[in-house]
C-alpha atoms as a PDB file:
ATOM      1  CA  MET A   1     196.442 139.782   3.332  1.00  0.00           C
ATOM      2  CA  ARG A   2     197.104 136.787   5.618  1.00  0.00           C
ATOM      3  CA  GLU A   3     200.751 136.722   4.565  1.00  0.00           C
ATOM      4  CA  ALA A   4     201.137 140.418   5.338  1.00  0.00           C
ATOM      5  CA  ILE A   5     199.583 139.928   8.784  1.00  0.00           C
ATOM      6  CA  ALA A   6     201.783 136.889   9.449  1.00  0.00           C
ATOM      7  CA  GLN A   7     204.901 138.856   8.471  1.00  0.00           C
ATOM      8  CA  TYR A   8     203.843 141.761  10.686  1.00  0.00           C
ATOM      9  CA  VAL A   9     203.236 139.496  13.684  1.00  0.00           C
ATOM     10  CA  GLU A  10     206.586 137.741  13.173  1.00  0.00           C
ATOM     11  CA  ARG A  11     208.403 141.086  12.893  1.00  0.00           C
ATOM     12  CA  GLU A  12     206.734 142.414  16.038  1.00  0.00           C
ATOM     13  CA  GLU A  13     207.537 139.231  17.971  1.00  0.00           C
ATOM     14  CA  LYS A  14     211.208 139.536  16.982  1.00  0.00           C
ATOM     15  CA  ARG A  15     211.202 143.211  17.950  1.00  0.00           C
ATOM     16  CA  GLU A  16     209.739 142.388  21.362  1.00  0.00           C
ATOM     17  CA  ALA A  17     212.254 139.577  21.919  1.00  0.00           C
ATOM     18  CA  PHE A  18     215.079 142.004  21.087  1.00  0.00           C
ATOM     19  CA  ARG A  19     213.620 144.548  23.510  1.00  0.00           C
ATOM     20  CA  GLN A  20     213.370 141.961  26.284  1.00  0.00           C
ATOM     21  CA  ASP A  21     216.987 140.895  25.673  1.00  0.00           C
ATOM     22  CA  ALA A  22     218.089 144.528  25.949  1.00  0.00           C
ATOM     23  CA  ILE A  23     216.195 144.996  29.218  1.00  0.00           C
ATOM     24  CA  GLN A  24     217.718 141.815  30.616  1.00  0.00           C
ATOM     25  CA  ALA A  25     221.228 142.916  29.576  1.00  0.00           C
ATOM     26  CA  TRP A  26     220.728 146.338  31.182  1.00  0.00           C
ATOM     27  CA  ASP A  27     219.478 144.755  34.419  1.00  0.00           C
ATOM     28  CA  GLU A  28     222.489 142.413  34.480  1.00  0.00           C
ATOM     29  CA  TYR A  29     224.862 145.335  33.913  1.00  0.00           C
ATOM     30  CA  GLN A  30     223.267 147.297  36.746  1.00  0.00           C
ATOM     31  CA  LYS A  31     223.651 144.315  39.103  1.00  0.00           C
ATOM     32  CA  THR A  32     227.236 143.385  38.214  1.00  0.00           C
ATOM     33  CA  GLY A  33     228.825 146.372  36.494  1.00  0.00           C
ATOM     34  CA  LEU A  34     230.493 143.970  34.055  1.00  0.00           C
ATOM     35  CA  HIS A  35     230.988 145.436  30.601  1.00  0.00           C
ATOM     36  CA  LEU A  36     233.203 145.796  27.530  1.00  0.00           C
ATOM     37  CA  THR A  37     234.407 149.053  26.072  1.00  0.00           C
ATOM     38  CA  LEU A  38     233.547 150.013  22.520  1.00  0.00           C
ATOM     39  CA  GLU A  39     237.198 149.570  21.580  1.00  0.00           C
ATOM     40  CA  GLU A  40     237.313 146.029  23.021  1.00  0.00           C
ATOM     41  CA  ALA A  41     234.136 144.980  21.250  1.00  0.00           C
ATOM     42  CA  ASP A  42     235.213 146.635  17.999  1.00  0.00           C
ATOM     43  CA  ALA A  43     238.621 144.910  18.023  1.00  0.00           C
ATOM     44  CA  TRP A  44     236.976 141.534  18.652  1.00  0.00           C
ATOM     45  CA  LEU A  45     234.436 142.043  15.869  1.00  0.00           C
ATOM     46  CA  ALA A  46     237.218 143.112  13.475  1.00  0.00           C
ATOM     47  CA  LYS A  47     239.015 139.818  14.163  1.00  0.00           C
ATOM     48  CA  LEU A  48     235.833 137.857  13.461  1.00  0.00           C
ATOM     49  CA  GLU A  49     235.258 139.834  10.275  1.00  0.00           C
ATOM     50  CA  ALA A  50     238.822 139.023   9.170  1.00  0.00           C
ATOM     51  CA  GLY A  51     238.021 135.330   9.557  1.00  0.00           C
ATOM     52  CA  GLU A  52     239.956 134.762  12.779  1.00  0.00           C
ATOM     53  CA  ASP A  53     238.553 132.379  15.361  1.00  0.00           C
ATOM     54  CA  ALA A  54     238.696 134.883  18.216  1.00  0.00           C
ATOM     55  CA  GLU A  55     237.282 134.378  21.685  1.00  0.00           C
ATOM     56  CA  PRO A  56     235.170 137.263  22.987  1.00  0.00           C
ATOM     57  CA  PRO A  57     237.005 139.559  25.399  1.00  0.00           C
ATOM     58  CA  LYS A  58     236.401 139.119  29.121  1.00  0.00           C
ATOM     59  CA  CYS A  59     233.960 141.502  30.736  1.00  0.00           C
ATOM     60  CA  HIS A  60     235.308 143.699  33.528  1.00  0.00           C
ATOM     61  CA  VAL A  61     234.150 146.306  36.011  1.00  0.00           C
END
């Protein structure tokens, strides 16, 4: 029972941290307007998946 509770608490803490990161990212976007398109992010991730040492694309308005 203790292990199940510990796993639940850990999972909920991670979920809350993810939520807070998303809120912070949204606030930053609203302040700056900086972003990547889906295509830019997808191309970068494809390079990483292929084993290339690719720098992330630059954010833009």
